[in-house]
Amino acid sequence: MRLTKTFAALADQNRQKILDILKQKEMSVSDIGAKLDITLATLSHHLDILKRNELVASRRQGQQILYSLNLSVMEELEKEIIKFFHK
């Protein structure tokens, strides 16, 4: 079930781009938005989906919320995919 939800979250091209951007470093919404051709409202929606699926983590720093890849979940996902194909 988790794989299904995670794959659904990863199916969107904008969310894939967000994850690719966050591979570089932790970033604010405005920093991420500067690299994409979508509105901040759309970006926030995509970040919410990624966050609910635990693919990204967030933390507050002053007035900003910084987003980063949740590497532990990415590693778990990698193991689940390998396990799925080796059944």
N, C-alpha and C. Protein backbone atom coordinates (compact mmCIF):
# COMPACT_ATOMS: atom_id res chain seq x y z
N MET A 1 0.82 -1.20 0.00
CA MET A 1 0.00 0.00 0.00
C MET A 1 0.87 1.26 0.00
N ARG A 2 1.93 1.26 0.79
CA ARG A 2 2.79 2.43 0.85
C ARG A 2 3.44 2.69 -0.50
N LEU A 3 3.87 1.62 -1.18
CA LEU A 3 4.48 1.80 -2.49
C LEU A 3 3.51 2.45 -3.46
N THR A 4 2.25 2.05 -3.41
CA THR A 4 1.24 2.60 -4.30
C THR A 4 1.10 4.10 -4.08
N LYS A 5 1.00 4.52 -2.81
CA LYS A 5 0.86 5.94 -2.50
C LYS A 5 2.12 6.71 -2.89
N THR A 6 3.27 6.11 -2.64
CA THR A 6 4.53 6.77 -2.97
C THR A 6 4.67 6.92 -4.47
N PHE A 7 4.35 5.86 -5.22
CA PHE A 7 4.44 5.95 -6.67
C PHE A 7 3.46 6.99 -7.21
N ALA A 8 2.29 7.09 -6.62
CA ALA A 8 1.33 8.12 -7.04
C ALA A 8 1.91 9.51 -6.80
N ALA A 9 2.57 9.69 -5.68
CA ALA A 9 3.18 10.99 -5.38
C ALA A 9 4.32 11.29 -6.34
N LEU A 10 5.04 10.26 -6.75
CA LEU A 10 6.18 10.45 -7.64
C LEU A 10 5.78 10.53 -9.12
N ALA A 11 4.53 10.21 -9.43
CA ALA A 11 4.08 10.15 -10.82
C ALA A 11 4.03 11.52 -11.49
N ASP A 12 3.90 12.57 -10.70
CA ASP A 12 3.78 13.91 -11.26
C ASP A 12 5.15 14.47 -11.61
N GLN A 13 5.26 15.02 -12.81
CA GLN A 13 6.53 15.55 -13.29
C GLN A 13 7.03 16.72 -12.46
N ASN A 14 6.14 17.58 -11.98
CA ASN A 14 6.56 18.71 -11.14
C ASN A 14 7.13 18.23 -9.81
N ARG A 15 6.52 17.19 -9.24
CA ARG A 15 7.04 16.66 -7.98
C ARG A 15 8.41 16.01 -8.19
N GLN A 16 8.60 15.37 -9.33
CA GLN A 16 9.91 14.81 -9.65
C GLN A 16 10.95 15.92 -9.75
N LYS A 17 10.58 17.03 -10.37
CA LYS A 17 11.50 18.17 -10.49
C LYS A 17 11.83 18.75 -9.11
N ILE A 18 10.83 18.83 -8.24
CA ILE A 18 11.06 19.35 -6.88
C ILE A 18 12.08 18.47 -6.16
N LEU A 19 11.89 17.16 -6.23
CA LEU A 19 12.83 16.24 -5.57
C LEU A 19 14.22 16.38 -6.17
N ASP A 20 14.29 16.54 -7.48
CA ASP A 20 15.59 16.71 -8.13
C ASP A 20 16.27 17.99 -7.64
N ILE A 21 15.51 19.06 -7.49
CA ILE A 21 16.05 20.32 -7.00
C ILE A 21 16.54 20.16 -5.56
N LEU A 22 15.77 19.45 -4.75
CA LEU A 22 16.13 19.29 -3.34
C LEU A 22 17.31 18.34 -3.12
N LYS A 23 17.72 17.62 -4.17
CA LYS A 23 18.93 16.80 -4.06
C LYS A 23 20.14 17.69 -3.83
N GLN A 24 20.09 18.92 -4.33
CA GLN A 24 21.22 19.84 -4.21
C GLN A 24 21.43 20.27 -2.77
N LYS A 25 20.33 20.76 -2.15
CA LYS A 25 20.42 21.26 -0.78
C LYS A 25 19.03 21.60 -0.26
N GLU A 26 18.93 21.87 1.00
CA GLU A 26 17.71 22.34 1.64
C GLU A 26 17.37 23.72 1.06
N MET A 27 16.06 23.94 0.77
CA MET A 27 15.66 25.21 0.15
C MET A 27 14.31 25.68 0.66
N SER A 28 14.10 26.99 0.55
CA SER A 28 12.80 27.58 0.88
C SER A 28 11.87 27.44 -0.32
N VAL A 29 10.60 27.68 -0.09
CA VAL A 29 9.61 27.62 -1.16
C VAL A 29 9.98 28.60 -2.28
N SER A 30 10.38 29.80 -1.91
CA SER A 30 10.72 30.79 -2.94
C SER A 30 11.95 30.37 -3.74
N ASP A 31 12.93 29.74 -3.09
CA ASP A 31 14.11 29.25 -3.81
C ASP A 31 13.73 28.13 -4.78
N ILE A 32 12.88 27.23 -4.33
CA ILE A 32 12.43 26.14 -5.21
C ILE A 32 11.61 26.72 -6.35
N GLY A 33 10.70 27.64 -6.02
CA GLY A 33 9.83 28.25 -7.02
C GLY A 33 10.60 28.99 -8.10
N ALA A 34 11.74 29.56 -7.75
CA ALA A 34 12.56 30.28 -8.73
C ALA A 34 13.11 29.35 -9.80
N LYS A 35 13.15 28.05 -9.51
CA LYS A 35 13.70 27.08 -10.45
C LYS A 35 12.62 26.37 -11.26
N LEU A 36 11.35 26.65 -10.98
CA LEU A 36 10.25 25.99 -11.66
C LEU A 36 9.33 27.01 -12.33
N ASP A 37 8.61 26.56 -13.32
CA ASP A 37 7.67 27.43 -14.02
C ASP A 37 6.24 27.11 -13.57
N ILE A 38 6.00 27.23 -12.24
CA ILE A 38 4.67 27.01 -11.68
C ILE A 38 4.42 28.09 -10.63
N THR A 39 3.15 28.29 -10.29
CA THR A 39 2.83 29.30 -9.27
C THR A 39 3.25 28.80 -7.90
N LEU A 40 3.39 29.72 -6.96
CA LEU A 40 3.73 29.33 -5.59
C LEU A 40 2.62 28.50 -4.96
N ALA A 41 1.36 28.78 -5.33
CA ALA A 41 0.24 27.99 -4.81
C ALA A 41 0.34 26.55 -5.30
N THR A 42 0.66 26.37 -6.56
CA THR A 42 0.82 25.02 -7.12
C THR A 42 2.01 24.33 -6.47
N LEU A 43 3.09 25.06 -6.29
CA LEU A 43 4.28 24.51 -5.63
C LEU A 43 3.95 24.06 -4.22
N SER A 44 3.22 24.87 -3.49
CA SER A 44 2.83 24.51 -2.11
C SER A 44 1.99 23.25 -2.11
N HIS A 45 1.10 23.12 -3.08
CA HIS A 45 0.27 21.91 -3.19
C HIS A 45 1.16 20.67 -3.40
N HIS A 46 2.12 20.78 -4.30
CA HIS A 46 3.01 19.65 -4.57
C HIS A 46 3.88 19.33 -3.36
N LEU A 47 4.38 20.35 -2.70
CA LEU A 47 5.18 20.12 -1.49
C LEU A 47 4.35 19.44 -0.41
N ASP A 48 3.08 19.82 -0.29
CA ASP A 48 2.20 19.18 0.69
C ASP A 48 2.05 17.69 0.40
N ILE A 49 1.87 17.35 -0.85
CA ILE A 49 1.74 15.93 -1.23
C ILE A 49 3.04 15.19 -0.92
N LEU A 50 4.17 15.77 -1.27
CA LEU A 50 5.45 15.13 -0.98
C LEU A 50 5.68 14.99 0.53
N LYS A 51 5.26 16.00 1.28
CA LYS A 51 5.42 15.96 2.73
C LYS A 51 4.51 14.90 3.35
N ARG A 52 3.25 14.83 2.90
CA ARG A 52 2.32 13.82 3.44
C ARG A 52 2.80 12.41 3.15
N ASN A 53 3.53 12.24 2.06
CA ASN A 53 4.09 10.93 1.72
C ASN A 53 5.50 10.75 2.26
N GLU A 54 5.92 11.69 3.10
CA GLU A 54 7.19 11.65 3.81
C GLU A 54 8.40 11.63 2.89
N LEU A 55 8.24 12.15 1.67
CA LEU A 55 9.37 12.21 0.74
C LEU A 55 10.22 13.45 0.97
N VAL A 56 9.61 14.47 1.56
CA VAL A 56 10.36 15.67 1.96
C VAL A 56 10.07 15.98 3.42
N ALA A 57 11.01 16.64 4.03
CA ALA A 57 10.86 17.11 5.41
C ALA A 57 10.90 18.62 5.38
N SER A 58 10.33 19.24 6.40
CA SER A 58 10.37 20.70 6.48
C SER A 58 10.73 21.12 7.89
N ARG A 59 11.30 22.32 7.96
CA ARG A 59 11.61 22.91 9.26
C ARG A 59 11.52 24.42 9.12
N ARG A 60 11.14 25.06 10.20
CA ARG A 60 11.01 26.51 10.20
C ARG A 60 12.33 27.14 10.60
N GLN A 61 12.70 28.18 9.86
CA GLN A 61 13.87 28.98 10.20
C GLN A 61 13.43 30.44 10.07
N GLY A 62 13.13 31.04 11.21
CA GLY A 62 12.60 32.40 11.19
C GLY A 62 11.25 32.43 10.50
N GLN A 63 11.12 33.26 9.49
CA GLN A 63 9.87 33.38 8.74
C GLN A 63 9.74 32.34 7.63
N GLN A 64 10.82 31.65 7.32
CA GLN A 64 10.82 30.72 6.20
C GLN A 64 10.61 29.28 6.66
N ILE A 65 10.06 28.49 5.75
CA ILE A 65 10.02 27.04 5.94
C ILE A 65 10.97 26.46 4.91
N LEU A 66 11.92 25.69 5.39
CA LEU A 66 12.92 25.07 4.53
C LEU A 66 12.56 23.61 4.28
N TYR A 67 12.70 23.18 3.05
CA TYR A 67 12.38 21.81 2.66
C TYR A 67 13.65 21.07 2.27
N SER A 68 13.65 19.77 2.57
CA SER A 68 14.79 18.92 2.21
C SER A 68 14.26 17.52 1.90
N LEU A 69 15.08 16.74 1.21
CA LEU A 69 14.72 15.35 0.95
C LEU A 69 14.73 14.58 2.26
N ASN A 70 13.79 13.69 2.41
CA ASN A 70 13.78 12.79 3.57
C ASN A 70 14.54 11.54 3.14
N LEU A 71 15.84 11.56 3.34
CA LEU A 71 16.69 10.49 2.82
C LEU A 71 16.38 9.13 3.42
N SER A 72 15.98 9.08 4.68
CA SER A 72 15.68 7.78 5.28
C SER A 72 14.49 7.12 4.59
N VAL A 73 13.49 7.90 4.21
CA VAL A 73 12.35 7.34 3.50
C VAL A 73 12.76 6.94 2.08
N MET A 74 13.63 7.70 1.47
CA MET A 74 14.13 7.34 0.13
C MET A 74 14.87 6.01 0.19
N GLU A 75 15.66 5.82 1.23
CA GLU A 75 16.38 4.55 1.38
C GLU A 75 15.41 3.40 1.62
N GLU A 76 14.38 3.61 2.44
CA GLU A 76 13.36 2.59 2.66
C GLU A 76 12.65 2.25 1.36
N LEU A 77 12.32 3.27 0.58
CA LEU A 77 11.65 3.08 -0.70
C LEU A 77 12.51 2.25 -1.64
N GLU A 78 13.79 2.57 -1.67
CA GLU A 78 14.71 1.81 -2.51
C GLU A 78 14.71 0.33 -2.12
N LYS A 79 14.75 0.05 -0.82
CA LYS A 79 14.73 -1.34 -0.34
C LYS A 79 13.42 -2.03 -0.71
N GLU A 80 12.30 -1.32 -0.57
CA GLU A 80 10.99 -1.89 -0.90
C GLU A 80 10.88 -2.22 -2.39
N ILE A 81 11.42 -1.36 -3.23
CA ILE A 81 11.38 -1.60 -4.67
C ILE A 81 12.22 -2.82 -5.02
N ILE A 82 13.41 -2.91 -4.44
CA ILE A 82 14.27 -4.07 -4.69
C ILE A 82 13.59 -5.34 -4.21
N LYS A 83 12.99 -5.28 -3.03
CA LYS A 83 12.29 -6.43 -2.47
C LYS A 83 11.12 -6.83 -3.36
N PHE A 84 10.40 -5.85 -3.87
CA PHE A 84 9.23 -6.10 -4.74
C PHE A 84 9.64 -6.87 -5.98
N PHE A 85 10.75 -6.49 -6.58
CA PHE A 85 11.18 -7.13 -7.83
C PHE A 85 11.93 -8.43 -7.63
N HIS A 86 12.28 -8.75 -6.39
CA HIS A 86 12.97 -10.01 -6.12
C HIS A 86 12.07 -11.05 -5.49
N LYS A 87 10.78 -10.85 -5.57
CA LYS A 87 9.84 -11.85 -5.01
C LYS A 87 9.77 -13.06 -5.89
